[in-house]
PDB file of N, CA and C in Angstrom:
ATOM      1  N   MET A   1       0.777  -1.423  -0.287  1.00  0.00           N
ATOM      2  CA  MET A   1       0.118  -0.264   0.145  1.00  0.00           C
ATOM      3  C   MET A   1       0.974   1.313   0.065  1.00  0.00           C
ATOM      4  N   LEU A   2       0.711   2.499  -0.724  1.00  0.00           N
ATOM      5  CA  LEU A   2       1.420   3.459  -1.105  1.00  0.00           C
ATOM      6  C   LEU A   2       0.769   3.854   0.062  1.00  0.00           C
ATOM      7  N   VAL A   3       1.501   5.218   0.895  1.00  0.00           N
ATOM      8  CA  VAL A   3       0.732   5.593   2.038  1.00  0.00           C
ATOM      9  C   VAL A   3       1.549   7.236   1.677  1.00  0.00           C
ATOM     10  N   LEU A   4       0.718   8.489   1.623  1.00  0.00           N
ATOM     11  CA  LEU A   4       1.014   9.302   0.933  1.00  0.00           C
ATOM     12  C   LEU A   4       0.529  10.739   1.872  1.00  0.00           C
ATOM     13  N   THR A   5       0.725  11.602   1.461  1.00  0.00           N
ATOM     14  CA  THR A   5       0.241  13.034   3.488  1.00  0.00           C
ATOM     15  C   THR A   5       0.469  14.043   2.400  1.00  0.00           C
ATOM     16  N   ARG A   6      -0.865  14.103   2.196  1.00  0.00           N
ATOM     17  CA  ARG A   6      -1.295  15.759   1.298  1.00  0.00           C
ATOM     18  C   ARG A   6      -2.109  16.986   2.523  1.00  0.00           C
ATOM     19  N   ARG A   7      -2.369  17.949   1.856  1.00  0.00           N
ATOM     20  CA  ARG A   7      -2.319  19.001   2.166  1.00  0.00           C
ATOM     21  C   ARG A   7      -3.901  19.645   2.003  1.00  0.00           C
ATOM     22  N   ILE A   8      -4.826  20.436   2.311  1.00  0.00           N
ATOM     23  CA  ILE A   8      -5.682  20.983   0.945  1.00  0.00           C
ATOM     24  C   ILE A   8      -5.102  21.899   0.138  1.00  0.00           C
ATOM     25  N   GLY A   9      -6.102  21.125  -1.194  1.00  0.00           N
ATOM     26  CA  GLY A   9      -5.487  21.793  -2.345  1.00  0.00           C
ATOM     27  C   GLY A   9      -4.475  20.772  -3.377  1.00  0.00           C
ATOM     28  N   GLU A  10      -4.190  19.772  -2.666  1.00  0.00           N
ATOM     29  CA  GLU A  10      -2.950  19.306  -3.102  1.00  0.00           C
ATOM     30  C   GLU A  10      -3.774  18.052  -3.984  1.00  0.00           C
ATOM     31  N   ASN A  11      -3.295  17.623  -4.480  1.00  0.00           N
ATOM     32  CA  ASN A  11      -3.896  16.618  -5.343  1.00  0.00           C
ATOM     33  C   ASN A  11      -2.497  15.215  -5.687  1.00  0.00           C
ATOM     34  N   ILE A  12      -3.233  13.836  -5.859  1.00  0.00           N
ATOM     35  CA  ILE A  12      -2.566  12.816  -6.348  1.00  0.00           C
ATOM     36  C   ILE A  12      -3.191  12.333  -7.779  1.00  0.00           C
ATOM     37  N   VAL A  13      -1.822  12.028  -8.884  1.00  0.00           N
ATOM     38  CA  VAL A  13      -2.469  11.781  -9.820  1.00  0.00           C
ATOM     39  C   VAL A  13      -2.481  10.352 -10.352  1.00  0.00           C
ATOM     40  N   ILE A  14      -3.098   9.503 -11.145  1.00  0.00           N
ATOM     41  CA  ILE A  14      -2.838   8.219 -11.046  1.00  0.00           C
ATOM     42  C   ILE A  14      -3.174   7.729 -12.518  1.00  0.00           C
ATOM     43  N   ASP A  15      -2.416   7.030 -13.239  1.00  0.00           N
ATOM     44  CA  ASP A  15      -2.448   7.134 -14.862  1.00  0.00           C
ATOM     45  C   ASP A  15      -2.558   8.248 -15.671  1.00  0.00           C
ATOM     46  N   ASP A  16      -2.498   9.580 -15.343  1.00  0.00           N
ATOM     47  CA  ASP A  16      -2.492  10.652 -16.373  1.00  0.00           C
ATOM     48  C   ASP A  16      -3.650  11.161 -16.601  1.00  0.00           C
ATOM     49  N   ASP A  17      -4.841  10.253 -16.242  1.00  0.00           N
ATOM     50  CA  ASP A  17      -5.889  11.069 -16.520  1.00  0.00           C
ATOM     51  C   ASP A  17      -7.562  10.476 -14.807  1.00  0.00           C
ATOM     52  N   ILE A  18      -6.707  10.364 -13.666  1.00  0.00           N
ATOM     53  CA  ILE A  18      -7.315  10.477 -12.696  1.00  0.00           C
ATOM     54  C   ILE A  18      -6.551  11.352 -11.476  1.00  0.00           C
ATOM     55  N   ILE A  19      -7.649  12.177 -11.024  1.00  0.00           N
ATOM     56  CA  ILE A  19      -7.228  13.070 -10.295  1.00  0.00           C
ATOM     57  C   ILE A  19      -7.782  13.000  -8.716  1.00  0.00           C
ATOM     58  N   ILE A  20      -7.215  12.569  -7.458  1.00  0.00           N
ATOM     59  CA  ILE A  20      -7.372  13.035  -6.106  1.00  0.00           C
ATOM     60  C   ILE A  20      -7.466  14.235  -5.537  1.00  0.00           C
ATOM     61  N   ARG A  21      -8.204  14.808  -5.152  1.00  0.00           N
ATOM     62  CA  ARG A  21      -8.162  16.209  -4.531  1.00  0.00           C
ATOM     63  C   ARG A  21      -8.493  16.662  -3.435  1.00  0.00           C
ATOM     64  N   VAL A  22      -7.689  16.907  -1.942  1.00  0.00           N
ATOM     65  CA  VAL A  22      -7.894  16.543  -1.067  1.00  0.00           C
ATOM     66  C   VAL A  22      -8.675  17.912  -0.607  1.00  0.00           C
ATOM     67  N   LEU A  23      -9.954  18.200  -0.876  1.00  0.00           N
ATOM     68  CA  LEU A  23     -10.865  19.502  -0.375  1.00  0.00           C
ATOM     69  C   LEU A  23     -10.960  20.256   0.758  1.00  0.00           C
ATOM     70  N   ASP A  24     -11.199  18.903   1.898  1.00  0.00           N
ATOM     71  CA  ASP A  24     -11.193  19.222   3.215  1.00  0.00           C
ATOM     72  C   ASP A  24     -10.821  18.320   4.337  1.00  0.00           C
ATOM     73  N   ILE A  25     -10.389  19.078   5.107  1.00  0.00           N
ATOM     74  CA  ILE A  25      -9.977  18.047   6.306  1.00  0.00           C
ATOM     75  C   ILE A  25     -10.243  18.694   7.416  1.00  0.00           C
ATOM     76  N   GLY A  26     -11.116  17.585   8.279  1.00  0.00           N
ATOM     77  CA  GLY A  26     -11.866  18.192   9.342  1.00  0.00           C
ATOM     78  C   GLY A  26     -12.389  17.086  10.473  1.00  0.00           C
ATOM     79  N   GLY A  27     -13.222  16.731  11.073  1.00  0.00           N
ATOM     80  CA  GLY A  27     -13.654  14.971  11.614  1.00  0.00           C
ATOM     81  C   GLY A  27     -13.268  14.317  10.394  1.00  0.00           C
ATOM     82  N   GLN A  28     -13.895  14.222   8.865  1.00  0.00           N
ATOM     83  CA  GLN A  28     -13.782  13.341   7.640  1.00  0.00           C
ATOM     84  C   GLN A  28     -12.285  14.277   6.849  1.00  0.00           C
ATOM     85  N   VAL A  29     -11.938  13.443   6.327  1.00  0.00           N
ATOM     86  CA  VAL A  29     -11.446  14.092   4.742  1.00  0.00           C
ATOM     87  C   VAL A  29     -12.196  14.060   3.448  1.00  0.00           C
ATOM     88  N   LYS A  30     -11.790  15.324   3.323  1.00  0.00           N
ATOM     89  CA  LYS A  30     -13.235  15.235   2.213  1.00  0.00           C
ATOM     90  C   LYS A  30     -12.228  15.196   0.731  1.00  0.00           C
ATOM     91  N   LEU A  31     -12.473  14.463  -0.329  1.00  0.00           N
ATOM     92  CA  LEU A  31     -11.640  13.916  -1.523  1.00  0.00           C
ATOM     93  C   LEU A  31     -12.827  14.561  -2.687  1.00  0.00           C
ATOM     94  N   GLY A  32     -11.850  15.030  -3.549  1.00  0.00           N
ATOM     95  CA  GLY A  32     -12.944  15.255  -4.721  1.00  0.00           C
ATOM     96  C   GLY A  32     -12.293  14.636  -6.145  1.00  0.00           C
ATOM     97  N   ILE A  33     -12.980  13.350  -6.955  1.00  0.00           N
ATOM     98  CA  ILE A  33     -11.995  12.417  -7.863  1.00  0.00           C
ATOM     99  C   ILE A  33     -12.717  12.532  -9.142  1.00  0.00           C
ATOM    100  N   GLU A  34     -11.312  13.522 -10.252  1.00  0.00           N
ATOM    101  CA  GLU A  34     -11.617  13.588 -11.559  1.00  0.00           C
ATOM    102  C   GLU A  34     -11.507  12.210 -12.043  1.00  0.00           C
ATOM    103  N   ALA A  35     -12.094  11.123 -12.817  1.00  0.00           N
ATOM    104  CA  ALA A  35     -12.029  10.681 -13.498  1.00  0.00           C
ATOM    105  C   ALA A  35     -12.862  10.691 -14.965  1.00  0.00           C
ATOM    106  N   PRO A  36     -12.345   9.754 -16.078  1.00  0.00           N
ATOM    107  CA  PRO A  36     -12.956   9.807 -17.504  1.00  0.00           C
ATOM    108  C   PRO A  36     -14.394   9.025 -17.220  1.00  0.00           C
ATOM    109  N   GLU A  37     -15.285   8.903 -17.730  1.00  0.00           N
ATOM    110  CA  GLU A  37     -16.687   8.595 -17.892  1.00  0.00           C
ATOM    111  C   GLU A  37     -16.643   7.185 -17.775  1.00  0.00           C
ATOM    112  N   SER A  38     -15.329   6.399 -18.093  1.00  0.00           N
ATOM    113  CA  SER A  38     -15.320   5.167 -18.503  1.00  0.00           C
ATOM    114  C   SER A  38     -15.068   4.107 -17.057  1.00  0.00           C
ATOM    115  N   VAL A  39     -14.277   5.283 -16.499  1.00  0.00           N
ATOM    116  CA  VAL A  39     -13.888   4.751 -14.851  1.00  0.00           C
ATOM    117  C   VAL A  39     -15.183   4.807 -14.083  1.00  0.00           C
ATOM    118  N   THR A  40     -15.102   3.985 -13.015  1.00  0.00           N
ATOM    119  CA  THR A  40     -16.566   3.792 -12.505  1.00  0.00           C
ATOM    120  C   THR A  40     -15.723   4.093 -11.043  1.00  0.00           C
ATOM    121  N   VAL A  41     -16.054   4.682 -10.229  1.00  0.00           N
ATOM    122  CA  VAL A  41     -15.769   5.322  -8.815  1.00  0.00           C
ATOM    123  C   VAL A  41     -16.967   5.079  -7.613  1.00  0.00           C
ATOM    124  N   HIS A  42     -16.582   3.902  -6.961  1.00  0.00           N
ATOM    125  CA  HIS A  42     -17.688   4.327  -5.602  1.00  0.00           C
ATOM    126  C   HIS A  42     -16.887   3.818  -4.349  1.00  0.00           C
ATOM    127  N   ARG A  43     -17.941   4.099  -3.221  1.00  0.00           N
ATOM    128  CA  ARG A  43     -17.230   4.096  -1.953  1.00  0.00           C
ATOM    129  C   ARG A  43     -17.214   2.808  -1.750  1.00  0.00           C
ATOM    130  N   GLU A  44     -16.218   1.927  -1.110  1.00  0.00           N
ATOM    131  CA  GLU A  44     -16.557   0.887  -1.220  1.00  0.00           C
ATOM    132  C   GLU A  44     -17.646   0.213  -0.225  1.00  0.00           C
ATOM    133  N   GLU A  45     -18.362   0.561   0.552  1.00  0.00           N
ATOM    134  CA  GLU A  45     -19.739  -0.136   0.640  1.00  0.00           C
ATOM    135  C   GLU A  45     -20.832  -0.123  -0.601  1.00  0.00           C
ATOM    136  N   ILE A  46     -20.710   0.772  -1.086  1.00  0.00           N
ATOM    137  CA  ILE A  46     -21.265   0.481  -2.380  1.00  0.00           C
ATOM    138  C   ILE A  46     -21.039  -0.331  -3.305  1.00  0.00           C
ATOM    139  N   TYR A  47     -19.513  -0.299  -3.391  1.00  0.00           N
ATOM    140  CA  TYR A  47     -19.053  -1.354  -4.395  1.00  0.00           C
ATOM    141  C   TYR A  47     -18.814  -2.728  -3.717  1.00  0.00           C
ATOM    142  N   GLU A  48     -19.315  -3.393  -2.634  1.00  0.00           N
ATOM    143  CA  GLU A  48     -19.458  -4.584  -2.045  1.00  0.00           C
ATOM    144  C   GLU A  48     -20.935  -4.882  -2.602  1.00  0.00           C
ATOM    145  N   LYS A  49     -22.142  -3.871  -2.117  1.00  0.00           N
ATOM    146  CA  LYS A  49     -23.130  -4.394  -2.702  1.00  0.00           C
ATOM    147  C   LYS A  49     -23.476  -4.481  -3.981  1.00  0.00           C
ATOM    148  N   ILE A  50     -22.865  -3.857  -4.732  1.00  0.00           N
ATOM    149  CA  ILE A  50     -23.003  -4.031  -6.012  1.00  0.00           C
ATOM    150  C   ILE A  50     -22.583  -5.637  -6.662  1.00  0.00           C
ATOM    151  N   GLN A  51     -21.363  -5.786  -6.077  1.00  0.00           N
ATOM    152  CA  GLN A  51     -20.942  -6.815  -6.285  1.00  0.00           C
ATOM    153  C   GLN A  51     -21.074  -7.860  -5.482  1.00  0.00           C
ATOM    154  N   SER A  52     -21.773  -7.689  -4.660  1.00  0.00           N
ATOM    155  CA  SER A  52     -23.007  -8.998  -4.011  1.00  0.00           C
ATOM    156  C   SER A  52     -24.335  -9.381  -4.827  1.00  0.00           C
ATOM    157  N   GLY A  53     -24.565  -7.981  -5.480  1.00  0.00           N
ATOM    158  CA  GLY A  53     -26.044  -8.406  -6.543  1.00  0.00           C
ATOM    159  C   GLY A  53     -25.149  -9.052  -7.621  1.00  0.00           C
ATOM    160  N   ARG A  54     -23.984  -9.087  -8.239  1.00  0.00           N
ATOM    161  CA  ARG A  54     -23.549  -9.648  -9.457  1.00  0.00           C
ATOM    162  C   ARG A  54     -23.062 -11.081  -9.145  1.00  0.00           C
ATOM    163  N   ARG A  55     -22.952 -11.513  -7.991  1.00  0.00           N
ATOM    164  CA  ARG A  55     -22.888 -12.766  -7.750  1.00  0.00           C
ATOM    165  C   ARG A  55     -24.495 -13.166  -7.619  1.00  0.00           C
ATOM    166  N   LEU A  56     -25.056 -12.421  -6.758  1.00  0.00           N
ATOM    167  CA  LEU A  56     -26.536 -13.483  -6.673  1.00  0.00           C
ATOM    168  C   LEU A  56     -27.231 -13.584  -8.052  1.00  0.00           C
ATOM    169  N   ASP A  57     -26.827 -12.823  -8.919  1.00  0.00           N
ATOM    170  CA  ASP A  57     -27.455 -12.646 -10.321  1.00  0.00           C
ATOM    171  C   ASP A  57     -27.063 -13.616 -11.182  1.00  0.00           C
ATOM    172  N   SER A  58     -25.728 -14.290 -11.003  1.00  0.00           N
ATOM    173  CA  SER A  58     -25.077 -15.029 -11.550  1.00  0.00           C
ATOM    174  C   SER A  58     -25.308 -15.925 -11.420  1.00  0.00           C
ATOM    175  N   MET A  59     -25.984 -16.694  -9.683  1.00  0.00           N
ATOM    176  CA  MET A  59     -26.714 -17.491  -9.686  1.00  0.00           C
ATOM    177  C   MET A  59     -28.069 -17.895 -10.425  1.00  0.00           C
ATOM    178  N   ASP A  60     -28.508 -17.402 -10.946  1.00  0.00           N
ATOM    179  CA  ASP A  60     -30.244 -17.584 -11.339  1.00  0.00           C
ATOM    180  C   ASP A  60     -29.956 -18.761 -13.068  1.00  0.00           C
TER     181      ASP A  60
END
């Protein structure tokens, strides 16, 4: 795992076309993510629900 320290307004760039920007640091960290429309971005708990639904659909 890569661990980085960033301040508000600083970015992380992935593969030239995905930018993760630190928007705010308070009780929680607020991130902004810019990615091409072809890249899906989900919070982990939503991603897990989507994956669970796909597994159930494939059993039919």
